[in-house]
Amino acid sequence: MTSPKPTPLSVVQGVQSPTEIVEKLNVILDQPVNSLSEEAQQLSAAHDVLQQALQ
């Protein structure tokens, strides 16, 4: 089992439009996961994108 790659900062920063937000989330959520831990990290990264979009 490999450890998940951290989400690149470029994926989280610079989100402007709703289309870009969806694209960023798809990049994150399309990565395969092998454990609940990896899935939790993936969901946390998606949460970060959404949280930053609301700021």
C-alpha atoms as a PDB file:
ATOM      1  CA  MET A   1       0.000   0.000   0.000  1.00  0.00           C
ATOM      2  CA  THR A   2       1.442   3.337  -1.022  1.00  0.00           C
ATOM      3  CA  SER A   3       0.947   6.477   0.955  1.00  0.00           C
ATOM      4  CA  PRO A   4      -1.271   9.053  -0.741  1.00  0.00           C
ATOM      5  CA  LYS A   5       0.391  12.002  -2.390  1.00  0.00           C
ATOM      6  CA  PRO A   6      -0.301  15.318  -0.687  1.00  0.00           C
ATOM      7  CA  THR A   7      -2.595  17.566  -2.672  1.00  0.00           C
ATOM      8  CA  PRO A   8      -0.488  20.104  -4.561  1.00  0.00           C
ATOM      9  CA  LEU A   9      -1.031  23.629  -3.334  1.00  0.00           C
ATOM     10  CA  SER A  10      -1.822  24.668  -6.902  1.00  0.00           C
ATOM     11  CA  VAL A  11      -4.932  22.484  -6.769  1.00  0.00           C
ATOM     12  CA  VAL A  12      -6.204  24.312  -3.695  1.00  0.00           C
ATOM     13  CA  GLN A  13      -5.165  27.866  -4.554  1.00  0.00           C
ATOM     14  CA  GLY A  14      -6.437  30.140  -7.283  1.00  0.00           C
ATOM     15  CA  VAL A  15      -9.936  28.753  -7.708  1.00  0.00           C
ATOM     16  CA  GLN A  16     -12.156  31.335  -9.388  1.00  0.00           C
ATOM     17  CA  SER A  17     -15.248  30.005 -11.110  1.00  0.00           C
ATOM     18  CA  PRO A  18     -17.683  27.212 -10.205  1.00  0.00           C
ATOM     19  CA  THR A  19     -16.388  25.272 -13.239  1.00  0.00           C
ATOM     20  CA  GLU A  20     -12.839  25.500 -11.901  1.00  0.00           C
ATOM     21  CA  ILE A  21     -14.020  24.341  -8.480  1.00  0.00           C
ATOM     22  CA  VAL A  22     -15.673  21.270 -10.012  1.00  0.00           C
ATOM     23  CA  GLU A  23     -12.551  20.535 -12.064  1.00  0.00           C
ATOM     24  CA  LYS A  24     -10.334  20.779  -8.968  1.00  0.00           C
ATOM     25  CA  LEU A  25     -12.670  18.483  -7.018  1.00  0.00           C
ATOM     26  CA  ASN A  26     -12.698  15.965  -9.880  1.00  0.00           C
ATOM     27  CA  VAL A  27      -8.885  15.911  -9.929  1.00  0.00           C
ATOM     28  CA  ILE A  28      -8.848  15.152  -6.211  1.00  0.00           C
ATOM     29  CA  LEU A  29     -11.744  12.700  -6.101  1.00  0.00           C
ATOM     30  CA  ASP A  30     -10.703  10.746  -9.211  1.00  0.00           C
ATOM     31  CA  GLN A  31      -7.550   9.495  -7.490  1.00  0.00           C
ATOM     32  CA  PRO A  32      -7.849   5.853  -6.443  1.00  0.00           C
ATOM     33  CA  VAL A  33      -7.866   5.083  -2.716  1.00  0.00           C
ATOM     34  CA  ASN A  34      -6.819   1.859  -1.008  1.00  0.00           C
ATOM     35  CA  SER A  35      -7.906   2.549   2.546  1.00  0.00           C
ATOM     36  CA  LEU A  36     -10.270   4.583   4.664  1.00  0.00           C
ATOM     37  CA  SER A  37      -7.301   6.714   5.693  1.00  0.00           C
ATOM     38  CA  GLU A  38      -6.587   7.648   2.073  1.00  0.00           C
ATOM     39  CA  GLU A  39     -10.257   8.344   1.465  1.00  0.00           C
ATOM     40  CA  ALA A  40     -10.341  10.629   4.503  1.00  0.00           C
ATOM     41  CA  GLN A  41      -7.322  12.547   3.191  1.00  0.00           C
ATOM     42  CA  GLN A  42      -8.981  12.838  -0.206  1.00  0.00           C
ATOM     43  CA  LEU A  43     -12.179  14.185   1.325  1.00  0.00           C
ATOM     44  CA  SER A  44     -10.180  16.617   3.457  1.00  0.00           C
ATOM     45  CA  ALA A  45      -8.486  17.952   0.329  1.00  0.00           C
ATOM     46  CA  ALA A  46     -11.869  18.361  -1.364  1.00  0.00           C
ATOM     47  CA  HIS A  47     -13.149  20.136   1.740  1.00  0.00           C
ATOM     48  CA  ASP A  48     -10.173  22.522   1.589  1.00  0.00           C
ATOM     49  CA  VAL A  49     -11.025  23.429  -2.022  1.00  0.00           C
ATOM     50  CA  LEU A  50     -14.652  24.125  -1.118  1.00  0.00           C
ATOM     51  CA  GLN A  51     -13.727  26.069   2.010  1.00  0.00           C
ATOM     52  CA  GLN A  52     -11.312  28.286   0.090  1.00  0.00           C
ATOM     53  CA  ALA A  53     -13.903  28.847  -2.641  1.00  0.00           C
ATOM     54  CA  LEU A  54     -16.310  30.219  -0.033  1.00  0.00           C
ATOM     55  CA  GLN A  55     -13.821  32.735   1.349  1.00  0.00           C
END
